[in-house]
Protein backbone atom coordinates (compact mmCIF):
# COMPACT_ATOMS: atom_id res chain seq x y z
CA UNK A 1 0.00 0.00 0.00
CA UNK A 2 1.70 3.16 -1.21
CA UNK A 3 1.19 6.26 0.88
CA UNK A 4 0.95 9.90 -0.07
CA UNK A 5 4.20 11.50 1.14
CA UNK A 6 2.39 14.76 1.91
CA UNK A 7 0.10 12.86 4.28
CA UNK A 8 3.09 11.13 5.88
CA UNK A 9 4.91 14.44 6.38
CA UNK A 10 1.78 16.03 7.82
CA UNK A 11 1.29 13.13 10.24
CA UNK A 12 4.91 13.32 11.41
CA UNK A 13 4.68 17.10 11.78
CA UNK A 14 1.47 16.78 13.83
CA UNK A 15 3.08 14.17 16.09
CA UNK A 16 6.17 16.33 16.63
CA UNK A 17 4.05 19.37 17.45
CA UNK A 18 1.88 17.42 19.87
CA UNK A 19 4.69 15.51 21.58
CA UNK A 20 7.97 17.34 21.12
CA UNK A 21 7.95 20.94 19.90
CA UNK A 22 4.97 22.32 21.80
CA UNK A 23 3.10 23.22 18.59
CA UNK A 24 6.16 25.01 17.17
CA UNK A 25 6.35 24.35 13.43
CA UNK A 26 9.68 23.19 12.05
CA UNK A 27 10.82 22.94 8.43
CA UNK A 28 10.79 19.49 6.81
CA UNK A 29 14.56 19.60 6.34
CA UNK A 30 15.37 20.80 9.89
CA UNK A 31 18.00 18.60 11.60
CA UNK A 32 15.90 17.03 14.39
CA UNK A 33 18.58 14.98 16.12
CA UNK A 34 21.54 17.25 15.43
CA UNK A 35 19.66 20.23 16.88
CA UNK A 36 18.42 18.32 19.92
CA UNK A 37 14.75 18.32 18.95
CA UNK A 38 14.41 14.52 19.17
CA UNK A 39 15.82 12.59 22.10
CA UNK A 40 16.37 8.84 21.93
CA UNK A 41 13.20 8.20 23.97
CA UNK A 42 11.16 10.48 21.72
CA UNK A 43 12.56 8.68 18.69
CA UNK A 44 11.30 5.37 20.09
CA UNK A 45 7.89 6.94 20.76
CA UNK A 46 7.87 8.30 17.20
CA UNK A 47 8.66 4.82 15.86
CA UNK A 48 5.70 3.39 17.78
CA UNK A 49 3.49 6.11 16.26
CA UNK A 50 4.79 5.41 12.73
CA UNK A 51 4.31 1.68 13.07
CA UNK A 52 0.75 2.12 14.33
CA UNK A 53 -0.27 4.91 11.94
CA UNK A 54 1.27 3.54 8.75
CA UNK A 55 1.35 -0.21 9.41
CA UNK A 56 5.10 -0.53 9.02
CA UNK A 57 7.88 -2.11 11.06
CA UNK A 58 11.02 -0.09 11.78
CA UNK A 59 14.01 -2.34 12.42
CA UNK A 60 16.52 -1.55 15.17
CA UNK A 61 19.29 -0.98 12.63
CA UNK A 62 17.14 1.72 10.98
CA UNK A 63 17.10 3.85 14.14
CA UNK A 64 19.81 6.26 13.07
CA UNK A 65 20.25 9.87 12.10
CA UNK A 66 20.09 9.02 8.40
CA UNK A 67 16.48 7.84 8.79
CA UNK A 68 15.35 10.12 11.63
CA UNK A 69 17.41 13.26 11.03
CA UNK A 70 14.55 15.31 9.56
CA UNK A 71 10.88 15.11 8.65
CA UNK A 72 11.98 14.51 5.05
CA UNK A 73 14.19 11.57 6.10
CA UNK A 74 11.43 10.01 8.20
CA UNK A 75 8.95 10.47 5.35
CA UNK A 76 11.34 8.74 2.95
CA UNK A 77 11.76 5.84 5.37
CA UNK A 78 7.99 5.38 5.71
CA UNK A 79 7.39 5.76 1.96
CA UNK A 80 10.08 3.16 1.23
CA UNK A 81 8.36 0.68 3.54
CA UNK A 82 4.88 1.21 2.15
CA UNK A 83 5.67 1.54 -1.56
PDB file of N, CA and C in Angstrom:
ATOM      1  N   UNK A   1       0.832  -1.184   0.000  1.00  0.00           N
ATOM      2  CA  UNK A   1       0.000   0.000   0.000  1.00  0.00           C
ATOM      3  C   UNK A   1       0.878   1.249   0.000  1.00  0.00           C
ATOM      4  N   UNK A   2       0.913   1.935  -1.111  1.00  0.00           N
ATOM      5  CA  UNK A   2       1.698   3.162  -1.206  1.00  0.00           C
ATOM      6  C   UNK A   2       0.986   4.280  -0.444  1.00  0.00           C
ATOM      7  N   UNK A   3       1.771   5.144   0.129  1.00  0.00           N
ATOM      8  CA  UNK A   3       1.194   6.265   0.875  1.00  0.00           C
ATOM      9  C   UNK A   3       1.531   7.574   0.183  1.00  0.00           C
ATOM     10  N   UNK A   4       0.716   8.565   0.430  1.00  0.00           N
ATOM     11  CA  UNK A   4       0.949   9.904  -0.066  1.00  0.00           C
ATOM     12  C   UNK A   4       1.983  10.557   0.856  1.00  0.00           C
ATOM     13  N   UNK A   5       3.129  10.955   0.289  1.00  0.00           N
ATOM     14  CA  UNK A   5       4.197  11.499   1.138  1.00  0.00           C
ATOM     15  C   UNK A   5       3.775  12.784   1.837  1.00  0.00           C
ATOM     16  N   UNK A   6       2.874  13.554   1.239  1.00  0.00           N
ATOM     17  CA  UNK A   6       2.392  14.765   1.914  1.00  0.00           C
ATOM     18  C   UNK A   6       1.624  14.392   3.179  1.00  0.00           C
ATOM     19  N   UNK A   7       0.835  13.322   3.100  1.00  0.00           N
ATOM     20  CA  UNK A   7       0.102  12.860   4.282  1.00  0.00           C
ATOM     21  C   UNK A   7       1.050  12.336   5.350  1.00  0.00           C
ATOM     22  N   UNK A   8       2.104  11.640   4.931  1.00  0.00           N
ATOM     23  CA  UNK A   8       3.091  11.130   5.881  1.00  0.00           C
ATOM     24  C   UNK A   8       3.774  12.299   6.583  1.00  0.00           C
ATOM     25  N   UNK A   9       4.244  13.264   5.802  1.00  0.00           N
ATOM     26  CA  UNK A   9       4.913  14.440   6.381  1.00  0.00           C
ATOM     27  C   UNK A   9       3.992  15.178   7.340  1.00  0.00           C
ATOM     28  N   UNK A  10       2.735  15.335   6.955  1.00  0.00           N
ATOM     29  CA  UNK A  10       1.775  16.032   7.816  1.00  0.00           C
ATOM     30  C   UNK A  10       1.560  15.266   9.112  1.00  0.00           C
ATOM     31  N   UNK A  11       1.463  13.948   9.044  1.00  0.00           N
ATOM     32  CA  UNK A  11       1.288  13.130  10.245  1.00  0.00           C
ATOM     33  C   UNK A  11       2.486  13.228  11.179  1.00  0.00           C
ATOM     34  N   UNK A  12       3.680  13.201  10.606  1.00  0.00           N
ATOM     35  CA  UNK A  12       4.906  13.320  11.408  1.00  0.00           C
ATOM     36  C   UNK A  12       4.964  14.700  12.054  1.00  0.00           C
ATOM     37  N   UNK A  13       4.663  15.731  11.272  1.00  0.00           N
ATOM     38  CA  UNK A  13       4.680  17.103  11.784  1.00  0.00           C
ATOM     39  C   UNK A  13       3.687  17.261  12.936  1.00  0.00           C
ATOM     40  N   UNK A  14       2.484  16.719  12.768  1.00  0.00           N
ATOM     41  CA  UNK A  14       1.475  16.784  13.835  1.00  0.00           C
ATOM     42  C   UNK A  14       1.968  16.085  15.097  1.00  0.00           C
ATOM     43  N   UNK A  15       2.577  14.909  14.928  1.00  0.00           N
ATOM     44  CA  UNK A  15       3.077  14.167  16.086  1.00  0.00           C
ATOM     45  C   UNK A  15       4.162  14.971  16.793  1.00  0.00           C
ATOM     46  N   UNK A  16       5.093  15.526  16.031  1.00  0.00           N
ATOM     47  CA  UNK A  16       6.169  16.327  16.627  1.00  0.00           C
ATOM     48  C   UNK A  16       5.606  17.524  17.383  1.00  0.00           C
ATOM     49  N   UNK A  17       4.630  18.201  16.791  1.00  0.00           N
ATOM     50  CA  UNK A  17       4.050  19.370  17.450  1.00  0.00           C
ATOM     51  C   UNK A  17       3.303  18.967  18.719  1.00  0.00           C
ATOM     52  N   UNK A  18       2.643  17.853  18.706  1.00  0.00           N
ATOM     53  CA  UNK A  18       1.882  17.418  19.865  1.00  0.00           C
ATOM     54  C   UNK A  18       2.714  16.793  20.963  1.00  0.00           C
ATOM     55  N   UNK A  19       3.899  16.267  20.611  1.00  0.00           N
ATOM     56  CA  UNK A  19       4.687  15.510  21.584  1.00  0.00           C
ATOM     57  C   UNK A  19       6.082  16.044  21.852  1.00  0.00           C
ATOM     58  N   UNK A  20       6.572  16.931  20.985  1.00  0.00           N
ATOM     59  CA  UNK A  20       7.973  17.339  21.125  1.00  0.00           C
ATOM     60  C   UNK A  20       8.156  18.855  21.110  1.00  0.00           C
ATOM     61  N   UNK A  21       7.617  19.522  20.107  1.00  0.00           N
ATOM     62  CA  UNK A  21       7.950  20.938  19.902  1.00  0.00           C
ATOM     63  C   UNK A  21       6.977  21.911  20.538  1.00  0.00           C
ATOM     64  N   UNK A  22       5.933  21.415  21.181  1.00  0.00           N
ATOM     65  CA  UNK A  22       4.973  22.315  21.801  1.00  0.00           C
ATOM     66  C   UNK A  22       4.259  23.192  20.792  1.00  0.00           C
ATOM     67  N   UNK A  23       3.831  22.601  19.698  1.00  0.00           N
ATOM     68  CA  UNK A  23       3.103  23.223  18.592  1.00  0.00           C
ATOM     69  C   UNK A  23       3.973  24.131  17.723  1.00  0.00           C
ATOM     70  N   UNK A  24       5.264  24.219  18.024  1.00  0.00           N
ATOM     71  CA  UNK A  24       6.164  25.014  17.166  1.00  0.00           C
ATOM     72  C   UNK A  24       6.371  24.271  15.855  1.00  0.00           C
ATOM     73  N   UNK A  25       6.163  24.953  14.744  1.00  0.00           N
ATOM     74  CA  UNK A  25       6.348  24.354  13.428  1.00  0.00           C
ATOM     75  C   UNK A  25       7.830  24.356  13.086  1.00  0.00           C
ATOM     76  N   UNK A  26       8.282  23.261  12.477  1.00  0.00           N
ATOM     77  CA  UNK A  26       9.678  23.191  12.051  1.00  0.00           C
ATOM     78  C   UNK A  26       9.725  22.785  10.586  1.00  0.00           C
ATOM     79  N   UNK A  27      10.709  23.279   9.848  1.00  0.00           N
ATOM     80  CA  UNK A  27      10.820  22.939   8.429  1.00  0.00           C
ATOM     81  C   UNK A  27      11.069  21.438   8.234  1.00  0.00           C
ATOM     82  N   UNK A  28      10.642  20.920   7.095  1.00  0.00           N
ATOM     83  CA  UNK A  28      10.785  19.489   6.814  1.00  0.00           C
ATOM     84  C   UNK A  28      12.240  19.048   6.720  1.00  0.00           C
ATOM     85  N   UNK A  29      13.155  19.974   6.447  1.00  0.00           N
ATOM     86  CA  UNK A  29      14.564  19.603   6.340  1.00  0.00           C
ATOM     87  C   UNK A  29      15.373  19.988   7.586  1.00  0.00           C
ATOM     88  N   UNK A  30      14.704  20.410   8.648  1.00  0.00           N
ATOM     89  CA  UNK A  30      15.375  20.801   9.892  1.00  0.00           C
ATOM     90  C   UNK A  30      16.010  19.584  10.553  1.00  0.00           C
ATOM     91  N   UNK A  31      17.253  19.711  10.998  1.00  0.00           N
ATOM     92  CA  UNK A  31      17.995  18.596  11.597  1.00  0.00           C
ATOM     93  C   UNK A  31      17.474  18.311  13.004  1.00  0.00           C
ATOM     94  N   UNK A  32      16.585  17.323  13.120  1.00  0.00           N
ATOM     95  CA  UNK A  32      15.900  17.035  14.386  1.00  0.00           C
ATOM     96  C   UNK A  32      16.838  16.516  15.468  1.00  0.00           C
ATOM     97  N   UNK A  33      17.684  15.574  15.124  1.00  0.00           N
ATOM     98  CA  UNK A  33      18.584  14.977  16.119  1.00  0.00           C
ATOM     99  C   UNK A  33      19.763  15.899  16.376  1.00  0.00           C
ATOM    100  N   UNK A  34      20.367  16.381  15.306  1.00  0.00           N
ATOM    101  CA  UNK A  34      21.540  17.254  15.425  1.00  0.00           C
ATOM    102  C   UNK A  34      21.251  18.494  16.258  1.00  0.00           C
ATOM    103  N   UNK A  35      20.035  19.022  16.143  1.00  0.00           N
ATOM    104  CA  UNK A  35      19.658  20.233  16.882  1.00  0.00           C
ATOM    105  C   UNK A  35      18.965  19.943  18.204  1.00  0.00           C
ATOM    106  N   UNK A  36      18.957  18.676  18.615  1.00  0.00           N
ATOM    107  CA  UNK A  36      18.416  18.319  19.924  1.00  0.00           C
ATOM    108  C   UNK A  36      16.908  18.342  20.033  1.00  0.00           C
ATOM    109  N   UNK A  37      16.208  18.321  18.910  1.00  0.00           N
ATOM    110  CA  UNK A  37      14.749  18.322  18.952  1.00  0.00           C
ATOM    111  C   UNK A  37      14.237  16.950  19.393  1.00  0.00           C
ATOM    112  N   UNK A  38      14.816  15.887  18.839  1.00  0.00           N
ATOM    113  CA  UNK A  38      14.406  14.520  19.167  1.00  0.00           C
ATOM    114  C   UNK A  38      15.421  13.857  20.080  1.00  0.00           C
ATOM    115  N   UNK A  39      14.976  13.387  21.235  1.00  0.00           N
ATOM    116  CA  UNK A  39      15.825  12.588  22.102  1.00  0.00           C
ATOM    117  C   UNK A  39      15.678  11.121  21.706  1.00  0.00           C
ATOM    118  N   UNK A  40      16.477  10.260  22.268  1.00  0.00           N
ATOM    119  CA  UNK A  40      16.373   8.836  21.932  1.00  0.00           C
ATOM    120  C   UNK A  40      15.015   8.275  22.363  1.00  0.00           C
ATOM    121  N   UNK A  41      14.514   8.677  23.512  1.00  0.00           N
ATOM    122  CA  UNK A  41      13.205   8.202  23.970  1.00  0.00           C
ATOM    123  C   UNK A  41      12.100   8.690  23.036  1.00  0.00           C
ATOM    124  N   UNK A  42      12.164   9.946  22.635  1.00  0.00           N
ATOM    125  CA  UNK A  42      11.157  10.484  21.720  1.00  0.00           C
ATOM    126  C   UNK A  42      11.221   9.787  20.360  1.00  0.00           C
ATOM    127  N   UNK A  43      12.421   9.401  19.947  1.00  0.00           N
ATOM    128  CA  UNK A  43      12.557   8.676  18.686  1.00  0.00           C
ATOM    129  C   UNK A  43      11.855   7.335  18.773  1.00  0.00           C
ATOM    130  N   UNK A  44      11.992   6.649  19.894  1.00  0.00           N
ATOM    131  CA  UNK A  44      11.303   5.370  20.092  1.00  0.00           C
ATOM    132  C   UNK A  44       9.788   5.585  20.091  1.00  0.00           C
ATOM    133  N   UNK A  45       9.325   6.641  20.751  1.00  0.00           N
ATOM    134  CA  UNK A  45       7.891   6.943  20.760  1.00  0.00           C
ATOM    135  C   UNK A  45       7.398   7.271  19.343  1.00  0.00           C
ATOM    136  N   UNK A  46       8.212   7.981  18.575  1.00  0.00           N
ATOM    137  CA  UNK A  46       7.870   8.296  17.196  1.00  0.00           C
ATOM    138  C   UNK A  46       7.776   7.017  16.362  1.00  0.00           C
ATOM    139  N   UNK A  47       8.699   6.089  16.570  1.00  0.00           N
ATOM    140  CA  UNK A  47       8.662   4.815  15.859  1.00  0.00           C
ATOM    141  C   UNK A  47       7.361   4.077  16.156  1.00  0.00           C
ATOM    142  N   UNK A  48       6.955   4.055  17.406  1.00  0.00           N
ATOM    143  CA  UNK A  48       5.699   3.389  17.779  1.00  0.00           C
ATOM    144  C   UNK A  48       4.524   4.052  17.058  1.00  0.00           C
ATOM    145  N   UNK A  49       4.528   5.378  16.988  1.00  0.00           N
ATOM    146  CA  UNK A  49       3.488   6.105  16.261  1.00  0.00           C
ATOM    147  C   UNK A  49       3.496   5.721  14.774  1.00  0.00           C
ATOM    148  N   UNK A  50       4.676   5.722  14.153  1.00  0.00           N
ATOM    149  CA  UNK A  50       4.789   5.411  12.726  1.00  0.00           C
ATOM    150  C   UNK A  50       4.303   3.992  12.430  1.00  0.00           C
ATOM    151  N   UNK A  51       4.702   3.063  13.279  1.00  0.00           N
ATOM    152  CA  UNK A  51       4.306   1.676  13.071  1.00  0.00           C
ATOM    153  C   UNK A  51       2.791   1.522  13.174  1.00  0.00           C
ATOM    154  N   UNK A  52       2.195   2.192  14.138  1.00  0.00           N
ATOM    155  CA  UNK A  52       0.750   2.120  14.328  1.00  0.00           C
ATOM    156  C   UNK A  52       0.000   2.853  13.217  1.00  0.00           C
ATOM    157  N   UNK A  53       0.429   4.046  12.907  1.00  0.00           N
ATOM    158  CA  UNK A  53      -0.275   4.907  11.942  1.00  0.00           C
ATOM    159  C   UNK A  53      -0.157   4.394  10.512  1.00  0.00           C
ATOM    160  N   UNK A  54       1.033   3.897  10.141  1.00  0.00           N
ATOM    161  CA  UNK A  54       1.267   3.540   8.748  1.00  0.00           C
ATOM    162  C   UNK A  54       1.425   2.038   8.514  1.00  0.00           C
ATOM    163  N   UNK A  55       1.300   1.235   9.562  1.00  0.00           N
ATOM    164  CA  UNK A  55       1.351  -0.212   9.413  1.00  0.00           C
ATOM    165  C   UNK A  55       2.690  -0.735   8.937  1.00  0.00           C
ATOM    166  N   UNK A  56       3.763  -0.107   9.413  1.00  0.00           N
ATOM    167  CA  UNK A  56       5.105  -0.531   9.019  1.00  0.00           C
ATOM    168  C   UNK A  56       5.843  -1.081  10.235  1.00  0.00           C
ATOM    169  N   UNK A  57       6.992  -1.681   9.984  1.00  0.00           N
ATOM    170  CA  UNK A  57       7.882  -2.105  11.057  1.00  0.00           C
ATOM    171  C   UNK A  57       9.227  -1.436  10.836  1.00  0.00           C
ATOM    172  N   UNK A  58       9.710  -0.728  11.843  1.00  0.00           N
ATOM    173  CA  UNK A  58      11.018  -0.091  11.781  1.00  0.00           C
ATOM    174  C   UNK A  58      11.986  -0.998  12.529  1.00  0.00           C
ATOM    175  N   UNK A  59      13.013  -1.447  11.832  1.00  0.00           N
ATOM    176  CA  UNK A  59      14.010  -2.339  12.422  1.00  0.00           C
ATOM    177  C   UNK A  59      14.986  -1.539  13.286  1.00  0.00           C
ATOM    178  N   UNK A  60      15.570  -2.215  14.272  1.00  0.00           N
ATOM    179  CA  UNK A  60      16.517  -1.548  15.171  1.00  0.00           C
ATOM    180  C   UNK A  60      17.655  -0.867  14.412  1.00  0.00           C
ATOM    181  N   UNK A  61      18.156  -1.543  13.377  1.00  0.00           N
ATOM    182  CA  UNK A  61      19.290  -0.976  12.627  1.00  0.00           C
ATOM    183  C   UNK A  61      18.894   0.261  11.808  1.00  0.00           C
ATOM    184  N   UNK A  62      17.600   0.528  11.694  1.00  0.00           N
ATOM    185  CA  UNK A  62      17.143   1.719  10.976  1.00  0.00           C
ATOM    186  C   UNK A  62      17.022   2.939  11.888  1.00  0.00           C
ATOM    187  N   UNK A  63      17.200   2.742  13.177  1.00  0.00           N
ATOM    188  CA  UNK A  63      17.099   3.849  14.138  1.00  0.00           C
ATOM    189  C   UNK A  63      18.404   4.641  14.152  1.00  0.00           C
ATOM    190  N   UNK A  64      18.598   5.456  13.139  1.00  0.00           N
ATOM    191  CA  UNK A  64      19.805   6.264  13.065  1.00  0.00           C
ATOM    192  C   UNK A  64      19.472   7.646  12.508  1.00  0.00           C
ATOM    193  N   UNK A  65      20.468   8.490  12.522  1.00  0.00           N
ATOM    194  CA  UNK A  65      20.252   9.873  12.099  1.00  0.00           C
ATOM    195  C   UNK A  65      19.929   9.968  10.615  1.00  0.00           C
ATOM    196  N   UNK A  66      20.400   9.019   9.833  1.00  0.00           N
ATOM    197  CA  UNK A  66      20.093   9.024   8.400  1.00  0.00           C
ATOM    198  C   UNK A  66      18.586   8.898   8.165  1.00  0.00           C
ATOM    199  N   UNK A  67      17.914   8.066   8.956  1.00  0.00           N
ATOM    200  CA  UNK A  67      16.483   7.837   8.791  1.00  0.00           C
ATOM    201  C   UNK A  67      15.609   8.749   9.637  1.00  0.00           C
ATOM    202  N   UNK A  68      16.149   9.300  10.714  1.00  0.00           N
ATOM    203  CA  UNK A  68      15.350  10.117  11.632  1.00  0.00           C
ATOM    204  C   UNK A  68      15.906  11.523  11.823  1.00  0.00           C
ATOM    205  N   UNK A  69      16.762  11.954  10.904  1.00  0.00           N
ATOM    206  CA  UNK A  69      17.410  13.255  11.027  1.00  0.00           C
ATOM    207  C   UNK A  69      16.536  14.450  10.687  1.00  0.00           C
ATOM    208  N   UNK A  70      15.452  14.208   9.948  1.00  0.00           N
ATOM    209  CA  UNK A  70      14.555  15.312   9.558  1.00  0.00           C
ATOM    210  C   UNK A  70      13.194  14.717   9.208  1.00  0.00           C
ATOM    211  N   UNK A  71      12.205  15.574   9.080  1.00  0.00           N
ATOM    212  CA  UNK A  71      10.883  15.108   8.651  1.00  0.00           C
ATOM    213  C   UNK A  71      10.991  14.471   7.268  1.00  0.00           C
ATOM    214  N   UNK A  72      11.798  15.077   6.385  1.00  0.00           N
ATOM    215  CA  UNK A  72      11.985  14.506   5.051  1.00  0.00           C
ATOM    216  C   UNK A  72      12.562  13.093   5.123  1.00  0.00           C
ATOM    217  N   UNK A  73      13.563  12.889   5.973  1.00  0.00           N
ATOM    218  CA  UNK A  73      14.194  11.574   6.097  1.00  0.00           C
ATOM    219  C   UNK A  73      13.205  10.539   6.628  1.00  0.00           C
ATOM    220  N   UNK A  74      12.419  10.927   7.621  1.00  0.00           N
ATOM    221  CA  UNK A  74      11.434  10.006   8.196  1.00  0.00           C
ATOM    222  C   UNK A  74      10.370   9.674   7.156  1.00  0.00           C
ATOM    223  N   UNK A  75       9.933  10.683   6.408  1.00  0.00           N
ATOM    224  CA  UNK A  75       8.952  10.470   5.349  1.00  0.00           C
ATOM    225  C   UNK A  75       9.480   9.483   4.316  1.00  0.00           C
ATOM    226  N   UNK A  76      10.736   9.653   3.915  1.00  0.00           N
ATOM    227  CA  UNK A  76      11.342   8.737   2.946  1.00  0.00           C
ATOM    228  C   UNK A  76      11.404   7.312   3.488  1.00  0.00           C
ATOM    229  N   UNK A  77      11.716   7.158   4.764  1.00  0.00           N
ATOM    230  CA  UNK A  77      11.764   5.836   5.374  1.00  0.00           C
ATOM    231  C   UNK A  77      10.384   5.184   5.308  1.00  0.00           C
ATOM    232  N   UNK A  78       9.359   5.920   5.720  1.00  0.00           N
ATOM    233  CA  UNK A  78       7.992   5.385   5.712  1.00  0.00           C
ATOM    234  C   UNK A  78       7.556   5.054   4.286  1.00  0.00           C
ATOM    235  N   UNK A  79       7.799   5.972   3.353  1.00  0.00           N
ATOM    236  CA  UNK A  79       7.392   5.760   1.958  1.00  0.00           C
ATOM    237  C   UNK A  79       8.093   4.532   1.381  1.00  0.00           C
ATOM    238  N   UNK A  80       9.348   4.328   1.719  1.00  0.00           N
ATOM    239  CA  UNK A  80      10.075   3.163   1.231  1.00  0.00           C
ATOM    240  C   UNK A  80       9.533   1.859   1.757  1.00  0.00           C
ATOM    241  N   UNK A  81       8.919   1.896   2.921  1.00  0.00           N
ATOM    242  CA  UNK A  81       8.364   0.681   3.538  1.00  0.00           C
ATOM    243  C   UNK A  81       6.934   0.410   3.092  1.00  0.00           C
ATOM    244  N   UNK A  82       6.272   1.398   2.547  1.00  0.00           N
ATOM    245  CA  UNK A  82       4.882   1.215   2.145  1.00  0.00           C
ATOM    246  C   UNK A  82       4.725   1.131   0.638  1.00  0.00           C
ATOM    247  N   UNK A  83       5.763   1.530  -0.114  1.00  0.00           N
ATOM    248  CA  UNK A  83       5.671   1.537  -1.558  1.00  0.00           C
ATOM    249  C   UNK A  83       5.957   0.222  -2.094  1.00  0.00           C
TER     250      UNK A  83
END
